[in-house]
Amino acid sequence: MSKKHEAIDRFAPIRLNGVLALAEHRVLWHLQNWANWQRTTGLELGVVMSDGVRGASDFDGMCRDMDRSNARTTDAVISDLPAGQKAAIYHRHLRAVFRFPRGNLYKLYTEAKLALALGLFRKHLI
């Protein structure tokens, strides 16, 4: 297989119980991007264009805008998860501590990653 095809296959969806979903390494990338977004101050830099529309002035700016957009989409998918799975993600990626029992943390995190693989693919993230 050529290097070009190997690079494309990294982003190819997988079949998960007969349904297309994101591969685990893509889910982990989106979770890391989401965690980085969660830790920011909320200050969104960029060029303000007419009617309050933001636009990037260079390639790096476009990448930052896309990362923020992907993080917001990931946040929406995470917010739809059951409470235990959501707590497991917050614990693993944001070091949040929950003082009430929610079950086996490893099992909940694994289930959350599977749910995210399906949810992120449905939201057209790769």
Foldseek 3Di string as FASTA:
>chain_A
DDPVVVVVVQAAFDADVNDTFGDLVQLVVLLLLLLVVVPDPPDDDADQDPPRDGDHPDPVSVVVVVSNVSSVQLVVLLVPDPPLLNVLSCCVRVVDDDPDDDPDSVVSPVVSSVSSRRSSVVVVDD
